[in-house]
Amino acid sequence: KKITAVEERKKSQAHRKVAKEIQAEKIKERNQQKKDTLEAVKQWKKRKGNDKRGGLNDDDDGELDSIVAGKRKHMGGDRDGANKKPRVNKVREAKNAKFGFGGKRRHAKSNTKDSTNDMSAFPGARKGKMKSQAVPKGAKRAGKAQRANHRNKNRR
């Protein structure tokens, strides 16, 4: 019993040591990846600054996005099963073939850029006229103390 326990302990120690080395290697790799990405962003900024165009271009954004996306891809690529395709549910597929895909139900009425900018529901012609046709109001009501003074004057 004792011999097997000792062997088990040695085996687990060796396993722990290997795992620690692998972890350290992964951390080193991630740090290197981070360093490379930061350097690439710095180079991108320098190129953008040298152009002296002023303002952003969609092309520039795409280039920066590709730099950042490259970083993300490498970061998540270490995990096991990351490259596996999601499993297809055969029953769901058969029902979709028979009845058709039901479609996305939620958030159908959520605000979109087009719906937010659509002002057709509001009477735009009245906007300018509202200010010009403002009805002049009567004199403002006097304050409490002033009204009391006025009341006292009338009593004398």
N, C-alpha and C. Protein backbone atom coordinates (compact mmCIF):
# COMPACT_ATOMS: atom_id res chain seq x y z
N LYS A 1 0.82 -1.20 0.00
CA LYS A 1 0.00 0.00 0.00
C LYS A 1 0.86 1.26 0.00
N LYS A 2 1.85 1.28 0.89
CA LYS A 2 2.69 2.46 1.02
C LYS A 2 3.48 2.72 -0.26
N ILE A 3 3.92 1.63 -0.89
CA ILE A 3 4.71 1.77 -2.11
C ILE A 3 3.85 2.39 -3.21
N THR A 4 2.61 1.92 -3.35
CA THR A 4 1.73 2.48 -4.39
C THR A 4 1.41 3.95 -4.09
N ALA A 5 1.25 4.28 -2.81
CA ALA A 5 0.97 5.67 -2.43
C ALA A 5 2.15 6.57 -2.80
N VAL A 6 3.37 6.07 -2.54
CA VAL A 6 4.58 6.85 -2.87
C VAL A 6 4.67 7.04 -4.38
N GLU A 7 4.43 5.95 -5.12
CA GLU A 7 4.47 6.03 -6.58
C GLU A 7 3.42 7.02 -7.11
N GLU A 8 2.25 6.95 -6.52
CA GLU A 8 1.16 7.86 -6.91
C GLU A 8 1.55 9.32 -6.68
N ARG A 9 2.18 9.55 -5.52
CA ARG A 9 2.61 10.91 -5.16
C ARG A 9 3.66 11.42 -6.15
N LYS A 10 4.62 10.55 -6.47
CA LYS A 10 5.68 10.93 -7.42
C LYS A 10 5.09 11.25 -8.80
N LYS A 11 4.13 10.41 -9.20
CA LYS A 11 3.49 10.61 -10.49
C LYS A 11 2.75 11.95 -10.53
N SER A 12 2.04 12.25 -9.45
CA SER A 12 1.28 13.50 -9.41
C SER A 12 2.22 14.71 -9.37
N GLN A 13 3.36 14.55 -8.67
CA GLN A 13 4.35 15.64 -8.63
C GLN A 13 4.89 15.92 -10.03
N ALA A 14 5.22 14.83 -10.74
CA ALA A 14 5.74 14.98 -12.10
C ALA A 14 4.69 15.64 -13.00
N HIS A 15 3.45 15.20 -12.82
CA HIS A 15 2.35 15.77 -13.62
C HIS A 15 2.19 17.26 -13.34
N ARG A 16 2.27 17.62 -12.05
CA ARG A 16 2.14 19.02 -11.63
C ARG A 16 3.26 19.87 -12.23
N LYS A 17 4.46 19.29 -12.23
CA LYS A 17 5.63 20.00 -12.75
C LYS A 17 5.46 20.28 -14.25
N VAL A 18 5.00 19.28 -14.99
CA VAL A 18 4.78 19.43 -16.43
C VAL A 18 3.69 20.47 -16.69
N ALA A 19 2.61 20.39 -15.91
CA ALA A 19 1.50 21.33 -16.08
C ALA A 19 1.96 22.76 -15.82
N LYS A 20 2.81 22.91 -14.81
CA LYS A 20 3.32 24.23 -14.47
C LYS A 20 4.16 24.79 -15.61
N GLU A 21 5.00 23.94 -16.21
CA GLU A 21 5.83 24.37 -17.33
C GLU A 21 4.97 24.79 -18.52
N ILE A 22 3.95 23.99 -18.79
CA ILE A 22 3.05 24.29 -19.91
C ILE A 22 2.35 25.63 -19.67
N GLN A 23 1.89 25.83 -18.44
CA GLN A 23 1.20 27.08 -18.09
C GLN A 23 2.13 28.28 -18.27
N ALA A 24 3.37 28.12 -17.81
CA ALA A 24 4.35 29.21 -17.94
C ALA A 24 4.61 29.52 -19.41
N GLU A 25 4.67 28.47 -20.22
CA GLU A 25 4.89 28.64 -21.65
C GLU A 25 3.73 29.39 -22.30
N LYS A 26 2.51 29.03 -21.89
CA LYS A 26 1.32 29.70 -22.43
C LYS A 26 1.32 31.18 -22.07
N ILE A 27 1.67 31.47 -20.81
CA ILE A 27 1.69 32.87 -20.36
C ILE A 27 2.73 33.66 -21.15
N LYS A 28 3.88 33.03 -21.37
CA LYS A 28 4.94 33.69 -22.14
C LYS A 28 4.46 33.97 -23.57
N GLU A 29 3.77 32.99 -24.14
CA GLU A 29 3.26 33.13 -25.50
C GLU A 29 2.22 34.26 -25.59
N ARG A 30 1.33 34.32 -24.59
CA ARG A 30 0.31 35.37 -24.56
C ARG A 30 0.95 36.75 -24.43
N ASN A 31 1.95 36.85 -23.57
CA ASN A 31 2.64 38.13 -23.40
C ASN A 31 3.31 38.57 -24.70
N GLN A 32 3.90 37.60 -25.40
CA GLN A 32 4.54 37.90 -26.68
C GLN A 32 3.49 38.38 -27.70
N GLN A 33 2.35 37.70 -27.71
CA GLN A 33 1.26 38.07 -28.63
C GLN A 33 0.76 39.48 -28.33
N LYS A 34 0.62 39.79 -27.05
CA LYS A 34 0.17 41.12 -26.64
C LYS A 34 1.17 42.19 -27.08
N LYS A 35 2.44 41.88 -26.89
CA LYS A 35 3.52 42.79 -27.27
C LYS A 35 3.48 43.05 -28.78
N ASP A 36 3.31 41.98 -29.56
CA ASP A 36 3.25 42.11 -31.01
C ASP A 36 2.07 42.97 -31.44
N THR A 37 0.92 42.73 -30.82
CA THR A 37 -0.28 43.49 -31.17
C THR A 37 -0.10 44.96 -30.85
N LEU A 38 0.42 45.26 -29.67
CA LEU A 38 0.64 46.65 -29.29
C LEU A 38 1.62 47.33 -30.25
N GLU A 39 2.62 46.59 -30.67
CA GLU A 39 3.59 47.12 -31.62
C GLU A 39 2.92 47.40 -32.97
N ALA A 40 2.05 46.47 -33.38
CA ALA A 40 1.34 46.64 -34.66
C ALA A 40 0.43 47.87 -34.60
N VAL A 41 -0.24 48.06 -33.47
CA VAL A 41 -1.12 49.23 -33.31
C VAL A 41 -0.29 50.51 -33.34
N LYS A 42 0.86 50.46 -32.70
CA LYS A 42 1.75 51.63 -32.68
C LYS A 42 2.18 51.98 -34.11
N GLN A 43 2.55 50.95 -34.88
CA GLN A 43 2.95 51.17 -36.27
C GLN A 43 1.79 51.75 -37.08
N TRP A 44 0.57 51.22 -36.83
CA TRP A 44 -0.62 51.71 -37.52
C TRP A 44 -0.85 53.19 -37.22
N LYS A 45 -0.71 53.55 -35.93
CA LYS A 45 -0.88 54.96 -35.53
C LYS A 45 0.13 55.84 -36.24
N LYS A 46 1.38 55.34 -36.31
CA LYS A 46 2.45 56.11 -36.93
C LYS A 46 2.14 56.33 -38.41
N ARG A 47 1.70 55.27 -39.10
CA ARG A 47 1.35 55.38 -40.52
C ARG A 47 0.19 56.36 -40.71
N LYS A 48 -0.81 56.25 -39.83
CA LYS A 48 -1.98 57.12 -39.91
C LYS A 48 -1.58 58.57 -39.69
N GLY A 49 -0.66 58.80 -38.77
CA GLY A 49 -0.19 60.15 -38.48
C GLY A 49 0.61 60.74 -39.62
N ASN A 50 1.36 59.90 -40.32
CA ASN A 50 2.19 60.37 -41.43
C ASN A 50 1.37 60.73 -42.66
N ASP A 51 0.16 60.16 -42.77
CA ASP A 51 -0.68 60.45 -43.93
C ASP A 51 -1.14 61.90 -43.94
N LYS A 52 -1.37 62.47 -42.78
CA LYS A 52 -1.81 63.87 -42.61
C LYS A 52 -3.06 64.18 -43.41
N ARG A 53 -3.98 63.24 -43.38
CA ARG A 53 -5.24 63.47 -44.10
C ARG A 53 -6.26 64.13 -43.20
N GLY A 54 -6.23 63.79 -41.93
CA GLY A 54 -7.23 64.31 -41.01
C GLY A 54 -8.52 63.53 -41.18
N GLY A 55 -9.10 63.08 -40.10
CA GLY A 55 -10.33 62.30 -40.18
C GLY A 55 -10.03 60.84 -40.37
N LEU A 56 -11.03 60.03 -40.10
CA LEU A 56 -10.85 58.59 -40.20
C LEU A 56 -11.40 58.08 -41.53
N ASN A 57 -10.84 57.01 -41.97
CA ASN A 57 -11.25 56.36 -43.19
C ASN A 57 -11.77 54.98 -42.84
N ASP A 58 -12.72 54.45 -43.61
CA ASP A 58 -13.20 53.10 -43.34
C ASP A 58 -12.08 52.09 -43.54
N ASP A 59 -11.20 52.38 -44.47
CA ASP A 59 -10.08 51.49 -44.76
C ASP A 59 -9.16 51.38 -43.55
N ASP A 60 -8.92 52.52 -42.89
CA ASP A 60 -8.08 52.53 -41.70
C ASP A 60 -8.69 51.68 -40.60
N ASP A 61 -10.01 51.83 -40.42
CA ASP A 61 -10.70 51.06 -39.39
C ASP A 61 -10.59 49.57 -39.67
N GLY A 62 -10.72 49.20 -40.93
CA GLY A 62 -10.62 47.79 -41.31
C GLY A 62 -9.24 47.24 -40.99
N GLU A 63 -8.23 48.05 -41.24
CA GLU A 63 -6.86 47.61 -40.96
C GLU A 63 -6.67 47.40 -39.46
N LEU A 64 -7.16 48.35 -38.68
CA LEU A 64 -7.04 48.24 -37.22
C LEU A 64 -7.84 47.05 -36.71
N ASP A 65 -9.05 46.88 -37.26
CA ASP A 65 -9.87 45.74 -36.85
C ASP A 65 -9.17 44.42 -37.14
N SER A 66 -8.50 44.34 -38.28
CA SER A 66 -7.81 43.10 -38.62
C SER A 66 -6.66 42.84 -37.65
N ILE A 67 -6.01 43.91 -37.19
CA ILE A 67 -4.92 43.75 -36.21
C ILE A 67 -5.48 43.19 -34.90
N VAL A 68 -6.58 43.80 -34.45
CA VAL A 68 -7.18 43.38 -33.18
C VAL A 68 -7.78 41.98 -33.31
N ALA A 69 -8.42 41.69 -34.45
CA ALA A 69 -9.02 40.38 -34.66
C ALA A 69 -7.95 39.30 -34.68
N GLY A 70 -6.81 39.61 -35.27
CA GLY A 70 -5.71 38.65 -35.29
C GLY A 70 -5.28 38.31 -33.88
N LYS A 71 -5.27 39.29 -33.02
CA LYS A 71 -4.89 39.08 -31.62
C LYS A 71 -5.91 38.17 -30.94
N ARG A 72 -7.19 38.47 -31.15
CA ARG A 72 -8.24 37.68 -30.50
C ARG A 72 -8.20 36.24 -30.95
N LYS A 73 -7.94 36.03 -32.24
CA LYS A 73 -7.91 34.68 -32.78
C LYS A 73 -6.83 33.85 -32.10
N HIS A 74 -5.67 34.45 -31.91
CA HIS A 74 -4.57 33.72 -31.29
C HIS A 74 -4.84 33.48 -29.81
N MET A 75 -5.50 34.42 -29.17
CA MET A 75 -5.76 34.27 -27.74
C MET A 75 -6.68 33.08 -27.48
N GLY A 76 -7.74 32.93 -28.28
CA GLY A 76 -8.72 31.88 -28.05
C GLY A 76 -8.35 30.56 -28.70
N GLY A 77 -7.32 30.53 -29.50
CA GLY A 77 -6.97 29.33 -30.25
C GLY A 77 -6.35 28.23 -29.41
N ASP A 78 -5.93 28.54 -28.19
CA ASP A 78 -5.25 27.54 -27.37
C ASP A 78 -6.21 26.51 -26.77
N ARG A 79 -7.46 26.91 -26.60
CA ARG A 79 -8.41 26.02 -25.91
C ARG A 79 -8.73 24.80 -26.76
N ASP A 80 -8.93 23.67 -26.07
CA ASP A 80 -9.30 22.45 -26.78
C ASP A 80 -10.73 22.56 -27.28
N GLY A 81 -10.98 22.06 -28.48
CA GLY A 81 -12.32 22.07 -29.02
C GLY A 81 -12.75 23.42 -29.56
N ALA A 82 -11.87 24.36 -29.65
CA ALA A 82 -12.24 25.68 -30.14
C ALA A 82 -12.53 25.63 -31.64
N ASN A 83 -11.89 24.68 -32.33
CA ASN A 83 -12.06 24.60 -33.78
C ASN A 83 -13.20 23.67 -34.19
N LYS A 84 -13.83 23.00 -33.23
CA LYS A 84 -14.91 22.07 -33.55
C LYS A 84 -16.15 22.83 -33.97
N LYS A 85 -16.88 22.27 -34.93
CA LYS A 85 -18.12 22.89 -35.38
C LYS A 85 -19.22 22.57 -34.36
N PRO A 86 -20.19 23.46 -34.20
CA PRO A 86 -21.28 23.15 -33.28
C PRO A 86 -22.08 21.96 -33.78
N ARG A 87 -22.53 21.13 -32.85
CA ARG A 87 -23.26 19.92 -33.24
C ARG A 87 -24.62 20.30 -33.79
N VAL A 88 -25.02 19.60 -34.85
CA VAL A 88 -26.30 19.87 -35.49
C VAL A 88 -27.35 18.96 -34.88
N ASN A 89 -28.45 19.56 -34.43
CA ASN A 89 -29.54 18.79 -33.86
C ASN A 89 -30.40 18.27 -35.01
N LYS A 90 -30.37 16.96 -35.21
CA LYS A 90 -31.05 16.36 -36.36
C LYS A 90 -32.57 16.54 -36.27
N VAL A 91 -33.11 16.43 -35.06
CA VAL A 91 -34.56 16.57 -34.88
C VAL A 91 -34.98 17.99 -35.27
N ARG A 92 -34.20 18.98 -34.81
CA ARG A 92 -34.51 20.37 -35.12
C ARG A 92 -34.44 20.61 -36.63
N GLU A 93 -33.44 19.99 -37.26
CA GLU A 93 -33.27 20.15 -38.70
C GLU A 93 -34.46 19.56 -39.46
N ALA A 94 -34.93 18.39 -39.00
CA ALA A 94 -36.06 17.74 -39.65
C ALA A 94 -37.33 18.58 -39.50
N LYS A 95 -37.54 19.13 -38.31
CA LYS A 95 -38.73 19.96 -38.09
C LYS A 95 -38.66 21.24 -38.91
N ASN A 96 -37.46 21.80 -39.03
CA ASN A 96 -37.31 23.00 -39.86
C ASN A 96 -37.63 22.70 -41.32
N ALA A 97 -37.21 21.50 -41.77
CA ALA A 97 -37.47 21.12 -43.15
C ALA A 97 -38.97 20.93 -43.37
N LYS A 98 -39.65 20.37 -42.36
CA LYS A 98 -41.08 20.08 -42.50
C LYS A 98 -41.94 21.33 -42.35
N PHE A 99 -41.68 22.11 -41.30
CA PHE A 99 -42.54 23.25 -40.99
C PHE A 99 -41.93 24.60 -41.35
N GLY A 100 -40.65 24.63 -41.61
CA GLY A 100 -39.98 25.90 -41.88
C GLY A 100 -39.42 26.50 -40.61
N PHE A 101 -38.39 27.27 -40.76
CA PHE A 101 -37.76 27.91 -39.60
C PHE A 101 -38.67 29.02 -39.10
N GLY A 102 -38.90 29.05 -37.82
CA GLY A 102 -39.85 30.00 -37.23
C GLY A 102 -39.39 31.44 -37.31
N GLY A 103 -38.11 31.67 -37.36
CA GLY A 103 -37.61 33.03 -37.44
C GLY A 103 -37.37 33.64 -36.08
N LYS A 104 -36.70 34.76 -36.10
CA LYS A 104 -36.37 35.45 -34.86
C LYS A 104 -37.60 36.20 -34.39
N ARG A 105 -38.00 35.98 -33.15
CA ARG A 105 -39.22 36.59 -32.64
C ARG A 105 -38.94 37.84 -31.83
N ARG A 106 -37.92 37.79 -31.00
CA ARG A 106 -37.70 38.87 -30.04
C ARG A 106 -37.08 40.10 -30.68
N HIS A 107 -37.29 41.21 -30.06
CA HIS A 107 -36.69 42.50 -30.44
C HIS A 107 -37.05 42.91 -31.86
N ALA A 108 -38.23 42.51 -32.32
CA ALA A 108 -38.63 42.87 -33.68
C ALA A 108 -38.88 44.36 -33.79
N LYS A 109 -39.29 44.99 -32.68
CA LYS A 109 -39.62 46.41 -32.72
C LYS A 109 -38.51 47.27 -32.14
N SER A 110 -37.33 46.72 -32.00
CA SER A 110 -36.26 47.49 -31.37
C SER A 110 -35.87 48.66 -32.27
N ASN A 111 -35.37 49.71 -31.65
CA ASN A 111 -35.01 50.92 -32.39
C ASN A 111 -33.84 50.64 -33.32
N THR A 112 -34.01 51.04 -34.54
CA THR A 112 -32.93 50.95 -35.51
C THR A 112 -32.55 52.36 -35.93
N LYS A 113 -31.46 52.48 -36.64
CA LYS A 113 -31.01 53.80 -37.08
C LYS A 113 -32.08 54.44 -37.98
N ASP A 114 -32.65 53.63 -38.87
CA ASP A 114 -33.65 54.16 -39.79
C ASP A 114 -34.91 54.59 -39.06
N SER A 115 -35.38 53.75 -38.13
CA SER A 115 -36.62 54.09 -37.43
C SER A 115 -36.45 55.30 -36.53
N THR A 116 -35.24 55.46 -35.98
CA THR A 116 -34.99 56.61 -35.11
C THR A 116 -34.97 57.90 -35.91
N ASN A 117 -34.38 57.86 -37.09
CA ASN A 117 -34.27 59.06 -37.92
C ASN A 117 -35.51 59.35 -38.74
N ASP A 118 -36.50 58.46 -38.73
CA ASP A 118 -37.71 58.64 -39.51
C ASP A 118 -38.64 59.62 -38.79
N MET A 119 -38.85 60.78 -39.38
CA MET A 119 -39.69 61.80 -38.75
C MET A 119 -41.03 61.94 -39.46
N SER A 120 -41.42 60.96 -40.28
CA SER A 120 -42.65 61.08 -41.05
C SER A 120 -43.89 61.09 -40.16
N ALA A 121 -43.81 60.52 -38.97
CA ALA A 121 -44.96 60.49 -38.07
C ALA A 121 -45.22 61.85 -37.42
N PHE A 122 -44.23 62.73 -37.46
CA PHE A 122 -44.38 64.03 -36.82
C PHE A 122 -44.69 65.09 -37.87
N PRO A 123 -45.62 65.99 -37.56
CA PRO A 123 -45.94 67.05 -38.53
C PRO A 123 -44.81 68.08 -38.58
N GLY A 124 -43.96 67.97 -39.56
CA GLY A 124 -42.80 68.84 -39.66
C GLY A 124 -43.15 70.25 -40.07
N ALA A 125 -44.28 70.41 -40.80
CA ALA A 125 -44.65 71.73 -41.28
C ALA A 125 -45.02 72.65 -40.12
N ARG A 126 -45.50 72.08 -39.03
CA ARG A 126 -45.95 72.90 -37.91
C ARG A 126 -44.80 73.40 -37.06
N LYS A 127 -43.65 72.80 -37.18
CA LYS A 127 -42.53 73.16 -36.30
C LYS A 127 -42.18 74.64 -36.37
N GLY A 128 -42.06 75.18 -37.59
CA GLY A 128 -41.69 76.58 -37.75
C GLY A 128 -42.81 77.51 -37.34
N LYS A 129 -44.06 77.12 -37.58
CA LYS A 129 -45.21 77.98 -37.29
C LYS A 129 -45.48 78.08 -35.80
N MET A 130 -45.09 77.06 -35.06
CA MET A 130 -45.39 77.04 -33.62
C MET A 130 -44.81 78.26 -32.93
N LYS A 131 -43.60 78.63 -33.26
CA LYS A 131 -42.95 79.74 -32.59
C LYS A 131 -43.55 81.07 -33.04
N SER A 132 -43.85 81.19 -34.34
CA SER A 132 -44.35 82.46 -34.85
C SER A 132 -45.78 82.73 -34.40
N GLN A 133 -46.57 81.69 -34.19
CA GLN A 133 -47.97 81.87 -33.81
C GLN A 133 -48.19 81.76 -32.32
N ALA A 134 -47.16 81.96 -31.53
CA ALA A 134 -47.31 81.86 -30.09
C ALA A 134 -48.27 82.95 -29.61
N VAL A 135 -49.26 82.57 -28.81
CA VAL A 135 -50.27 83.51 -28.33
C VAL A 135 -49.67 84.30 -27.18
N PRO A 136 -49.69 85.65 -27.25
CA PRO A 136 -49.14 86.43 -26.14
C PRO A 136 -50.00 86.26 -24.90
N LYS A 137 -49.37 85.97 -23.80
CA LYS A 137 -50.10 85.73 -22.56
C LYS A 137 -50.27 87.05 -21.83
N GLY A 138 -51.20 87.09 -20.89
CA GLY A 138 -51.45 88.29 -20.10
C GLY A 138 -50.30 88.55 -19.15
N ALA A 139 -50.44 89.61 -18.37
CA ALA A 139 -49.38 89.97 -17.43
C ALA A 139 -49.20 88.87 -16.41
N LYS A 140 -47.99 88.69 -15.96
CA LYS A 140 -47.70 87.66 -14.97
C LYS A 140 -48.31 88.04 -13.64
N ARG A 141 -48.63 87.07 -12.84
CA ARG A 141 -49.20 87.32 -11.52
C ARG A 141 -48.11 87.88 -10.61
N ALA A 142 -48.46 88.91 -9.87
CA ALA A 142 -47.49 89.54 -8.97
C ALA A 142 -47.17 88.59 -7.82
N GLY A 143 -46.04 88.85 -7.17
CA GLY A 143 -45.64 88.00 -6.07
C GLY A 143 -46.52 88.19 -4.85
N LYS A 144 -46.35 87.33 -3.85
CA LYS A 144 -47.21 87.33 -2.66
C LYS A 144 -47.11 88.66 -1.91
N ALA A 145 -45.90 89.13 -1.67
CA ALA A 145 -45.71 90.38 -0.91
C ALA A 145 -46.29 91.56 -1.67
N GLN A 146 -46.10 91.59 -2.95
CA GLN A 146 -46.61 92.71 -3.76
C GLN A 146 -48.13 92.71 -3.76
N ARG A 147 -48.74 91.53 -3.82
CA ARG A 147 -50.21 91.44 -3.78
C ARG A 147 -50.73 91.91 -2.44
N ALA A 148 -50.02 91.55 -1.36
CA ALA A 148 -50.44 91.98 -0.01
C ALA A 148 -50.37 93.50 0.10
N ASN A 149 -49.30 94.10 -0.42
CA ASN A 149 -49.16 95.56 -0.42
C ASN A 149 -50.31 96.21 -1.18
N HIS A 150 -50.62 95.68 -2.31
CA HIS A 150 -51.68 96.22 -3.16
C HIS A 150 -53.02 96.14 -2.43
N ARG A 151 -53.25 95.01 -1.73
CA ARG A 151 -54.49 94.81 -0.98
C ARG A 151 -54.60 95.86 0.14
N ASN A 152 -53.47 96.09 0.81
CA ASN A 152 -53.46 97.07 1.91
C ASN A 152 -53.71 98.48 1.39
N LYS A 153 -53.18 98.82 0.22
CA LYS A 153 -53.39 100.15 -0.37
C LYS A 153 -54.86 100.38 -0.65
N ASN A 154 -55.52 99.34 -1.17
CA ASN A 154 -56.93 99.47 -1.53
C ASN A 154 -57.81 99.62 -0.31
N ARG A 155 -57.42 99.11 0.84
CA ARG A 155 -58.23 99.17 2.05
C ARG A 155 -58.22 100.58 2.66
N ARG A 156 -57.19 101.36 2.48
CA ARG A 156 -57.07 102.68 3.11
C ARG A 156 -58.01 103.67 2.56
